[in-house]
Amino acid sequence: MFDLQEARAQLGRCEYRKGNIEVALYVSEGIDIAAVTPKIKVTISRAGERQRYDAPPISVNAISLLLEAIFLKAKSLQSLEA
């Protein structure tokens, strides 16, 4: 599930950088923000803990990609409204 979300975030970033705002917005629409938000919160809350042997639900890199996708989605909507 997260691989698909990450792939959409990567593709959205590439399309946004190329100037394909509509395509970037279309790709980012497929990211289920509500589904990944709880896992992002758990991962961030565990970041300060020292001896945790179980893996976080989502990698920090994936969190970064998804947050960037949310930002780019907002920027895409903003530029389409202007």
PDB file of N, CA and C in Angstrom:
ATOM      1  N   MET A   1       0.827  -1.193   0.000  1.00  0.00           N
ATOM      2  CA  MET A   1       0.000   0.000   0.000  1.00  0.00           C
ATOM      3  C   MET A   1       0.872   1.259   0.000  1.00  0.00           C
ATOM      4  N   PHE A   2       1.884   1.262   0.861  1.00  0.00           N
ATOM      5  CA  PHE A   2       2.718   2.460   0.940  1.00  0.00           C
ATOM      6  C   PHE A   2       3.596   2.615  -0.289  1.00  0.00           C
ATOM      7  N   ASP A   3       3.948   1.497  -0.923  1.00  0.00           N
ATOM      8  CA  ASP A   3       4.738   1.606  -2.146  1.00  0.00           C
ATOM      9  C   ASP A   3       3.966   2.368  -3.214  1.00  0.00           C
ATOM     10  N   LEU A   4       2.675   2.101  -3.317  1.00  0.00           N
ATOM     11  CA  LEU A   4       1.843   2.810  -4.286  1.00  0.00           C
ATOM     12  C   LEU A   4       1.737   4.289  -3.919  1.00  0.00           C
ATOM     13  N   GLN A   5       1.572   4.572  -2.623  1.00  0.00           N
ATOM     14  CA  GLN A   5       1.477   5.958  -2.169  1.00  0.00           C
ATOM     15  C   GLN A   5       2.787   6.694  -2.461  1.00  0.00           C
ATOM     16  N   GLU A   6       3.906   6.019  -2.183  1.00  0.00           N
ATOM     17  CA  GLU A   6       5.213   6.626  -2.438  1.00  0.00           C
ATOM     18  C   GLU A   6       5.435   6.849  -3.933  1.00  0.00           C
ATOM     19  N   ALA A   7       5.029   5.881  -4.738  1.00  0.00           N
ATOM     20  CA  ALA A   7       5.186   6.015  -6.187  1.00  0.00           C
ATOM     21  C   ALA A   7       4.369   7.196  -6.708  1.00  0.00           C
ATOM     22  N   ARG A   8       3.163   7.350  -6.205  1.00  0.00           N
ATOM     23  CA  ARG A   8       2.330   8.482  -6.612  1.00  0.00           C
ATOM     24  C   ARG A   8       2.976   9.799  -6.188  1.00  0.00           C
ATOM     25  N   ALA A   9       3.553   9.820  -4.993  1.00  0.00           N
ATOM     26  CA  ALA A   9       4.210  11.037  -4.513  1.00  0.00           C
ATOM     27  C   ALA A   9       5.402  11.388  -5.404  1.00  0.00           C
ATOM     28  N   GLN A  10       6.196  10.374  -5.765  1.00  0.00           N
ATOM     29  CA  GLN A  10       7.356  10.605  -6.640  1.00  0.00           C
ATOM     30  C   GLN A  10       6.923  11.110  -8.013  1.00  0.00           C
ATOM     31  N   LEU A  11       5.918  10.448  -8.588  1.00  0.00           N
ATOM     32  CA  LEU A  11       5.442  10.841  -9.911  1.00  0.00           C
ATOM     33  C   LEU A  11       4.840  12.245  -9.881  1.00  0.00           C
ATOM     34  N   GLY A  12       4.083  12.533  -8.833  1.00  0.00           N
ATOM     35  CA  GLY A  12       3.509  13.868  -8.691  1.00  0.00           C
ATOM     36  C   GLY A  12       4.581  14.937  -8.609  1.00  0.00           C
ATOM     37  N   ARG A  13       5.645  14.640  -7.883  1.00  0.00           N
ATOM     38  CA  ARG A  13       6.763  15.585  -7.764  1.00  0.00           C
ATOM     39  C   ARG A  13       7.410  15.834  -9.124  1.00  0.00           C
ATOM     40  N   CYS A  14       7.651  14.760  -9.864  1.00  0.00           N
ATOM     41  CA  CYS A  14       8.269  14.900 -11.195  1.00  0.00           C
ATOM     42  C   CYS A  14       7.389  15.715 -12.132  1.00  0.00           C
ATOM     43  N   GLU A  15       6.108  15.419 -12.141  1.00  0.00           N
ATOM     44  CA  GLU A  15       5.198  16.137 -13.035  1.00  0.00           C
ATOM     45  C   GLU A  15       5.077  17.607 -12.633  1.00  0.00           C
ATOM     46  N   TYR A  16       5.066  17.879 -11.338  1.00  0.00           N
ATOM     47  CA  TYR A  16       4.989  19.264 -10.867  1.00  0.00           C
ATOM     48  C   TYR A  16       6.225  20.041 -11.309  1.00  0.00           C
ATOM     49  N   ARG A  17       7.385  19.416 -11.174  1.00  0.00           N
ATOM     50  CA  ARG A  17       8.633  20.081 -11.570  1.00  0.00           C
ATOM     51  C   ARG A  17       8.704  20.334 -13.071  1.00  0.00           C
ATOM     52  N   LYS A  18       8.066  19.460 -13.863  1.00  0.00           N
ATOM     53  CA  LYS A  18       8.025  19.653 -15.311  1.00  0.00           C
ATOM     54  C   LYS A  18       7.024  20.724 -15.716  1.00  0.00           C
ATOM     55  N   GLY A  19       6.186  21.126 -14.776  1.00  0.00           N
ATOM     56  CA  GLY A  19       5.181  22.135 -15.086  1.00  0.00           C
ATOM     57  C   GLY A  19       3.834  21.560 -15.470  1.00  0.00           C
ATOM     58  N   ASN A  20       3.697  20.249 -15.373  1.00  0.00           N
ATOM     59  CA  ASN A  20       2.427  19.590 -15.681  1.00  0.00           C
ATOM     60  C   ASN A  20       1.538  19.591 -14.439  1.00  0.00           C
ATOM     61  N   ILE A  21       0.986  20.749 -14.126  1.00  0.00           N
ATOM     62  CA  ILE A  21       0.230  20.935 -12.889  1.00  0.00           C
ATOM     63  C   ILE A  21      -0.995  20.027 -12.836  1.00  0.00           C
ATOM     64  N   GLU A  22      -1.729  19.934 -13.946  1.00  0.00           N
ATOM     65  CA  GLU A  22      -2.936  19.116 -13.960  1.00  0.00           C
ATOM     66  C   GLU A  22      -2.617  17.644 -13.719  1.00  0.00           C
ATOM     67  N   VAL A  23      -1.542  17.163 -14.334  1.00  0.00           N
ATOM     68  CA  VAL A  23      -1.138  15.766 -14.159  1.00  0.00           C
ATOM     69  C   VAL A  23      -0.675  15.536 -12.725  1.00  0.00           C
ATOM     70  N   ALA A  24       0.086  16.467 -12.180  1.00  0.00           N
ATOM     71  CA  ALA A  24       0.547  16.344 -10.797  1.00  0.00           C
ATOM     72  C   ALA A  24      -0.635  16.274  -9.842  1.00  0.00           C
ATOM     73  N   LEU A  25      -1.636  17.089 -10.092  1.00  0.00           N
ATOM     74  CA  LEU A  25      -2.828  17.083  -9.248  1.00  0.00           C
ATOM     75  C   LEU A  25      -3.581  15.771  -9.393  1.00  0.00           C
ATOM     76  N   TYR A  26      -3.714  15.292 -10.622  1.00  0.00           N
ATOM     77  CA  TYR A  26      -4.414  14.030 -10.867  1.00  0.00           C
ATOM     78  C   TYR A  26      -3.720  12.873 -10.146  1.00  0.00           C
ATOM     79  N   VAL A  27      -2.403  12.815 -10.234  1.00  0.00           N
ATOM     80  CA  VAL A  27      -1.644  11.746  -9.587  1.00  0.00           C
ATOM     81  C   VAL A  27      -1.777  11.835  -8.072  1.00  0.00           C
ATOM     82  N   SER A  28      -1.703  13.044  -7.530  1.00  0.00           N
ATOM     83  CA  SER A  28      -1.759  13.198  -6.075  1.00  0.00           C
ATOM     84  C   SER A  28      -3.153  12.944  -5.515  1.00  0.00           C
ATOM     85  N   GLU A  29      -4.180  13.000  -6.358  1.00  0.00           N
ATOM     86  CA  GLU A  29      -5.534  12.687  -5.895  1.00  0.00           C
ATOM     87  C   GLU A  29      -5.628  11.239  -5.419  1.00  0.00           C
ATOM     88  N   GLY A  30      -4.784  10.364  -5.955  1.00  0.00           N
ATOM     89  CA  GLY A  30      -4.815   8.952  -5.583  1.00  0.00           C
ATOM     90  C   GLY A  30      -4.151   8.636  -4.260  1.00  0.00           C
ATOM     91  N   ILE A  31      -3.518   9.603  -3.633  1.00  0.00           N
ATOM     92  CA  ILE A  31      -2.862   9.372  -2.344  1.00  0.00           C
ATOM     93  C   ILE A  31      -3.910   9.462  -1.245  1.00  0.00           C
ATOM     94  N   ASP A  32      -4.037   8.387  -0.485  1.00  0.00           N
ATOM     95  CA  ASP A  32      -5.025   8.328   0.590  1.00  0.00           C
ATOM     96  C   ASP A  32      -4.409   8.910   1.862  1.00  0.00           C
ATOM     97  N   ILE A  33      -4.555  10.206   2.025  1.00  0.00           N
ATOM     98  CA  ILE A  33      -3.942  10.920   3.149  1.00  0.00           C
ATOM     99  C   ILE A  33      -4.495  10.433   4.480  1.00  0.00           C
ATOM    100  N   ALA A  34      -5.789  10.169   4.531  1.00  0.00           N
ATOM    101  CA  ALA A  34      -6.418   9.713   5.775  1.00  0.00           C
ATOM    102  C   ALA A  34      -5.867   8.361   6.225  1.00  0.00           C
ATOM    103  N   ALA A  35      -5.499   7.516   5.288  1.00  0.00           N
ATOM    104  CA  ALA A  35      -4.982   6.191   5.638  1.00  0.00           C
ATOM    105  C   ALA A  35      -3.548   6.249   6.160  1.00  0.00           C
ATOM    106  N   VAL A  36      -2.743   7.165   5.647  1.00  0.00           N
ATOM    107  CA  VAL A  36      -1.338   7.207   6.054  1.00  0.00           C
ATOM    108  C   VAL A  36      -1.084   8.107   7.260  1.00  0.00           C
ATOM    109  N   THR A  37      -2.007   9.001   7.562  1.00  0.00           N
ATOM    110  CA  THR A  37      -1.799   9.940   8.669  1.00  0.00           C
ATOM    111  C   THR A  37      -1.533   9.252  10.004  1.00  0.00           C
ATOM    112  N   PRO A  38      -2.316   8.238  10.423  1.00  0.00           N
ATOM    113  CA  PRO A  38      -2.021   7.588  11.708  1.00  0.00           C
ATOM    114  C   PRO A  38      -0.634   6.952  11.741  1.00  0.00           C
ATOM    115  N   LYS A  39      -0.207   6.345  10.649  1.00  0.00           N
ATOM    116  CA  LYS A  39       1.112   5.713  10.612  1.00  0.00           C
ATOM    117  C   LYS A  39       2.227   6.758  10.644  1.00  0.00           C
ATOM    118  N   ILE A  40       1.997   7.895  10.023  1.00  0.00           N
ATOM    119  CA  ILE A  40       2.966   8.988  10.086  1.00  0.00           C
ATOM    120  C   ILE A  40       3.108   9.461  11.528  1.00  0.00           C
ATOM    121  N   LYS A  41       1.986   9.618  12.216  1.00  0.00           N
ATOM    122  CA  LYS A  41       2.015  10.076  13.609  1.00  0.00           C
ATOM    123  C   LYS A  41       2.770   9.100  14.498  1.00  0.00           C
ATOM    124  N   VAL A  42       2.533   7.796  14.317  1.00  0.00           N
ATOM    125  CA  VAL A  42       3.218   6.782  15.128  1.00  0.00           C
ATOM    126  C   VAL A  42       4.715   6.824  14.871  1.00  0.00           C
ATOM    127  N   THR A  43       5.109   6.907  13.623  1.00  0.00           N
ATOM    128  CA  THR A  43       6.529   6.934  13.281  1.00  0.00           C
ATOM    129  C   THR A  43       7.216   8.160  13.865  1.00  0.00           C
ATOM    130  N   ILE A  44       6.586   9.312  13.756  1.00  0.00           N
ATOM    131  CA  ILE A  44       7.181  10.538  14.290  1.00  0.00           C
ATOM    132  C   ILE A  44       7.255  10.485  15.810  1.00  0.00           C
ATOM    133  N   SER A  45       6.237   9.941  16.456  1.00  0.00           N
ATOM    134  CA  SER A  45       6.256   9.878  17.920  1.00  0.00           C
ATOM    135  C   SER A  45       7.318   8.914  18.426  1.00  0.00           C
ATOM    136  N   ARG A  46       7.649   7.891  17.645  1.00  0.00           N
ATOM    137  CA  ARG A  46       8.679   6.933  18.044  1.00  0.00           C
ATOM    138  C   ARG A  46      10.087   7.417  17.723  1.00  0.00           C
ATOM    139  N   ALA A  47      10.220   8.474  16.990  1.00  0.00           N
ATOM    140  CA  ALA A  47      11.534   8.928  16.536  1.00  0.00           C
ATOM    141  C   ALA A  47      12.470   9.247  17.695  1.00  0.00           C
ATOM    142  N   GLY A  48      11.951   9.724  18.800  1.00  0.00           N
ATOM    143  CA  GLY A  48      12.790  10.090  19.930  1.00  0.00           C
ATOM    144  C   GLY A  48      13.139   8.936  20.844  1.00  0.00           C
ATOM    145  N   GLU A  49      12.469   7.820  20.707  1.00  0.00           N
ATOM    146  CA  GLU A  49      12.734   6.672  21.571  1.00  0.00           C
ATOM    147  C   GLU A  49      14.019   5.979  21.135  1.00  0.00           C
ATOM    148  N   ARG A  50      14.812   5.575  22.108  1.00  0.00           N
ATOM    149  CA  ARG A  50      16.136   5.031  21.810  1.00  0.00           C
ATOM    150  C   ARG A  50      16.110   3.549  21.426  1.00  0.00           C
ATOM    151  N   GLN A  51      15.657   2.695  22.329  1.00  0.00           N
ATOM    152  CA  GLN A  51      15.780   1.260  22.103  1.00  0.00           C
ATOM    153  C   GLN A  51      14.450   0.669  21.660  1.00  0.00           C
ATOM    154  N   ARG A  52      14.180   0.823  20.420  1.00  0.00           N
ATOM    155  CA  ARG A  52      12.958   0.280  19.828  1.00  0.00           C
ATOM    156  C   ARG A  52      13.388  -0.747  18.789  1.00  0.00           C
ATOM    157  N   TYR A  53      13.031  -2.001  18.990  1.00  0.00           N
ATOM    158  CA  TYR A  53      13.494  -3.047  18.087  1.00  0.00           C
ATOM    159  C   TYR A  53      12.521  -3.330  16.949  1.00  0.00           C
ATOM    160  N   ASP A  54      11.275  -2.936  17.113  1.00  0.00           N
ATOM    161  CA  ASP A  54      10.336  -3.151  16.017  1.00  0.00           C
ATOM    162  C   ASP A  54      10.434  -1.998  15.024  1.00  0.00           C
ATOM    163  N   ALA A  55      10.259  -2.329  13.779  1.00  0.00           N
ATOM    164  CA  ALA A  55      10.388  -1.331  12.712  1.00  0.00           C
ATOM    165  C   ALA A  55       9.215  -0.362  12.745  1.00  0.00           C
ATOM    166  N   PRO A  56       9.455   0.886  12.383  1.00  0.00           N
ATOM    167  CA  PRO A  56       8.350   1.849  12.329  1.00  0.00           C
ATOM    168  C   PRO A  56       7.377   1.465  11.217  1.00  0.00           C
ATOM    169  N   PRO A  57       6.124   1.881  11.348  1.00  0.00           N
ATOM    170  CA  PRO A  57       5.131   1.525  10.337  1.00  0.00           C
ATOM    171  C   PRO A  57       5.434   2.093   8.950  1.00  0.00           C
ATOM    172  N   ILE A  58       6.172   3.177   8.902  1.00  0.00           N
ATOM    173  CA  ILE A  58       6.483   3.820   7.620  1.00  0.00           C
ATOM    174  C   ILE A  58       7.842   4.510   7.771  1.00  0.00           C
ATOM    175  N   SER A  59       8.636   4.490   6.720  1.00  0.00           N
ATOM    176  CA  SER A  59       9.974   5.072   6.813  1.00  0.00           C
ATOM    177  C   SER A  59       9.912   6.598   6.825  1.00  0.00           C
ATOM    178  N   VAL A  60      10.956   7.189   7.338  1.00  0.00           N
ATOM    179  CA  VAL A  60      11.043   8.649   7.383  1.00  0.00           C
ATOM    180  C   VAL A  60      11.097   9.208   5.961  1.00  0.00           C
ATOM    181  N   ASN A  61      11.757   8.492   5.056  1.00  0.00           N
ATOM    182  CA  ASN A  61      11.800   8.918   3.657  1.00  0.00           C
ATOM    183  C   ASN A  61      10.393   8.942   3.058  1.00  0.00           C
ATOM    184  N   ALA A  62       9.596   7.920   3.360  1.00  0.00           N
ATOM    185  CA  ALA A  62       8.221   7.874   2.856  1.00  0.00           C
ATOM    186  C   ALA A  62       7.398   9.017   3.435  1.00  0.00           C
ATOM    187  N   ILE A  63       7.617   9.316   4.704  1.00  0.00           N
ATOM    188  CA  ILE A  63       6.912  10.440   5.332  1.00  0.00           C
ATOM    189  C   ILE A  63       7.257  11.736   4.609  1.00  0.00           C
ATOM    190  N   SER A  64       8.528  11.922   4.333  1.00  0.00           N
ATOM    191  CA  SER A  64       8.969  13.126   3.630  1.00  0.00           C
ATOM    192  C   SER A  64       8.308  13.237   2.258  1.00  0.00           C
ATOM    193  N   LEU A  65       8.284  12.130   1.529  1.00  0.00           N
ATOM    194  CA  LEU A  65       7.655  12.131   0.206  1.00  0.00           C
ATOM    195  C   LEU A  65       6.171  12.457   0.282  1.00  0.00           C
ATOM    196  N   LEU A  66       5.482  11.858   1.243  1.00  0.00           N
ATOM    197  CA  LEU A  66       4.044  12.073   1.353  1.00  0.00           C
ATOM    198  C   LEU A  66       3.715  13.500   1.782  1.00  0.00           C
ATOM    199  N   LEU A  67       4.500  14.049   2.701  1.00  0.00           N
ATOM    200  CA  LEU A  67       4.271  15.441   3.101  1.00  0.00           C
ATOM    201  C   LEU A  67       4.547  16.394   1.942  1.00  0.00           C
ATOM    202  N   GLU A  68       5.577  16.094   1.164  1.00  0.00           N
ATOM    203  CA  GLU A  68       5.853  16.915  -0.013  1.00  0.00           C
ATOM    204  C   GLU A  68       4.707  16.805  -1.019  1.00  0.00           C
ATOM    205  N   ALA A  69       4.148  15.609  -1.165  1.00  0.00           N
ATOM    206  CA  ALA A  69       3.019  15.423  -2.086  1.00  0.00           C
ATOM    207  C   ALA A  69       1.810  16.238  -1.647  1.00  0.00           C
ATOM    208  N   ILE A  70       1.561  16.279  -0.351  1.00  0.00           N
ATOM    209  CA  ILE A  70       0.448  17.084   0.168  1.00  0.00           C
ATOM    210  C   ILE A  70       0.692  18.556  -0.141  1.00  0.00           C
ATOM    211  N   PHE A  71       1.919  19.007   0.079  1.00  0.00           N
ATOM    212  CA  PHE A  71       2.268  20.398  -0.203  1.00  0.00           C
ATOM    213  C   PHE A  71       2.111  20.715  -1.690  1.00  0.00           C
ATOM    214  N   LEU A  72       2.627  19.836  -2.545  1.00  0.00           N
ATOM    215  CA  LEU A  72       2.537  20.076  -3.985  1.00  0.00           C
ATOM    216  C   LEU A  72       1.092  20.026  -4.475  1.00  0.00           C
ATOM    217  N   LYS A  73       0.290  19.204  -3.841  1.00  0.00           N
ATOM    218  CA  LYS A  73      -1.130  19.164  -4.196  1.00  0.00           C
ATOM    219  C   LYS A  73      -1.777  20.510  -3.891  1.00  0.00           C
ATOM    220  N   ALA A  74      -1.462  21.052  -2.737  1.00  0.00           N
ATOM    221  CA  ALA A  74      -1.999  22.366  -2.368  1.00  0.00           C
ATOM    222  C   ALA A  74      -1.503  23.445  -3.332  1.00  0.00           C
ATOM    223  N   LYS A  75      -0.213  23.402  -3.680  1.00  0.00           N
ATOM    224  CA  LYS A  75       0.337  24.380  -4.621  1.00  0.00           C
ATOM    225  C   LYS A  75      -0.300  24.235  -6.005  1.00  0.00           C
ATOM    226  N   SER A  76      -0.555  23.008  -6.428  1.00  0.00           N
ATOM    227  CA  SER A  76      -1.193  22.774  -7.724  1.00  0.00           C
ATOM    228  C   SER A  76      -2.596  23.350  -7.745  1.00  0.00           C
ATOM    229  N   LEU A  77      -3.346  23.101  -6.690  1.00  0.00           N
ATOM    230  CA  LEU A  77      -4.701  23.648  -6.602  1.00  0.00           C
ATOM    231  C   LEU A  77      -4.668  25.169  -6.609  1.00  0.00           C
ATOM    232  N   GLN A  78      -3.704  25.716  -5.888  1.00  0.00           N
ATOM    233  CA  GLN A  78      -3.558  27.165  -5.811  1.00  0.00           C
ATOM    234  C   GLN A  78      -3.268  27.760  -7.189  1.00  0.00           C
ATOM    235  N   SER A  79      -2.379  27.143  -7.935  1.00  0.00           N
ATOM    236  CA  SER A  79      -2.023  27.692  -9.245  1.00  0.00           C
ATOM    237  C   SER A  79      -3.145  27.510 -10.264  1.00  0.00           C
ATOM    238  N   LEU A  80      -3.950  26.472 -10.114  1.00  0.00           N
ATOM    239  CA  LEU A  80      -5.071  26.282 -11.035  1.00  0.00           C
ATOM    240  C   LEU A  80      -6.206  27.264 -10.763  1.00  0.00           C
ATOM    241  N   GLU A  81      -6.338  27.691  -9.511  1.00  0.00           N
ATOM    242  CA  GLU A  81      -7.386  28.646  -9.150  1.00  0.00           C
ATOM    243  C   GLU A  81      -7.028  30.062  -9.585  1.00  0.00           C
ATOM    244  N   ALA A  82      -5.742  30.344  -9.693  1.00  0.00           N
ATOM    245  CA  ALA A  82      -5.297  31.706 -10.032  1.00  0.00           C
ATOM    246  C   ALA A  82      -5.484  32.046 -11.482  1.00  0.00           C
TER     247      ALA A  82
END
